[in-house]
Protein backbone atom coordinates (compact mmCIF):
# COMPACT_ATOMS: atom_id res chain seq x y z
CA MET A 1 -0.06 0.35 -0.03
CA SER A 2 1.84 2.72 -1.30
CA THR A 3 1.37 6.18 0.96
CA LYS A 4 1.87 9.91 -0.14
CA LYS A 5 5.05 10.43 0.97
CA ASP A 6 6.17 7.39 -1.38
CA GLU A 7 3.22 9.08 -4.62
CA SER A 8 5.19 12.38 -3.90
CA LYS A 9 8.60 10.82 -4.29
CA ASP A 10 7.49 9.06 -6.72
CA SER A 11 6.35 12.04 -9.16
CA GLU A 12 9.34 14.09 -8.20
CA ARG A 13 11.89 11.12 -9.44
CA GLU A 14 9.65 11.14 -12.23
CA SER A 15 9.72 14.58 -12.32
CA GLU A 16 13.05 15.21 -12.48
CA LEU A 17 13.65 11.63 -14.89
CA LYS A 18 12.22 13.48 -17.44
CA LYS A 19 14.24 16.77 -16.67
CA LEU A 20 17.44 15.15 -17.25
CA ILE A 21 16.03 12.86 -20.18
CA LYS A 22 15.67 15.96 -22.27
CA GLU A 23 18.76 17.81 -21.25
CA LYS A 24 20.98 14.66 -22.83
CA ILE A 25 18.75 15.09 -25.91
CA GLU A 26 19.53 18.45 -26.10
CA LEU A 27 22.44 18.11 -25.30
CA SER A 28 23.83 15.49 -27.93
CA ARG A 29 21.79 17.06 -30.70
CA LYS A 30 23.86 20.72 -29.85
CA LEU A 31 27.03 18.41 -29.66
CA GLY A 32 25.97 16.36 -33.03
CA ILE A 33 26.03 12.87 -31.58
CA MET A 34 22.33 12.15 -31.43
CA GLY A 35 19.70 12.01 -34.78
CA THR A 36 22.25 13.05 -37.84
CA TYR A 37 25.68 11.25 -36.37
CA GLN A 38 27.60 14.49 -37.00
CA PRO A 39 29.63 15.44 -34.44
CA VAL A 40 31.70 18.52 -33.62
CA GLU A 41 34.83 18.25 -33.53
CA ASN A 42 36.45 17.10 -30.64
CA PHE A 43 32.95 16.89 -28.25
CA LYS A 44 34.69 14.51 -25.90
CA GLU A 45 36.70 17.79 -24.57
CA THR A 46 33.28 19.91 -24.19
CA ASP A 47 31.67 20.67 -21.61
CA GLU A 48 28.16 19.58 -23.09
CA TYR A 49 29.75 15.69 -23.44
CA LYS A 50 30.41 16.13 -19.68
CA ARG A 51 27.42 17.07 -17.91
CA ILE A 52 26.31 14.22 -20.11
CA ASN A 53 28.31 11.92 -18.54
CA GLU A 54 26.72 13.55 -15.76
CA ILE A 55 23.48 13.22 -16.34
CA ASP A 56 23.73 9.49 -17.29
CA ILE A 57 25.29 8.21 -14.34
CA ARG A 58 22.50 10.43 -11.73
CA LEU A 59 20.42 8.72 -14.81
CA TRP A 60 21.75 5.57 -13.28
CA ASP A 61 20.89 5.90 -10.02
CA LEU A 62 17.21 6.94 -10.13
CA VAL A 63 16.38 3.64 -12.62
CA LYS A 64 18.56 1.03 -9.69
């Protein structure tokens, strides 16, 4: 039986998941590594790519 607290926590987690996924998609498109694969030069050196890796870590924490 779920409580309102559990439901609120689940809702917050789902909201964070959606936000992170949206951000990852936007960054990936900006770097040219999603959709039509045309990566910008040295994309792995950018702050955007580092942020994508941070997002991946957080997403893993949320779904495990």
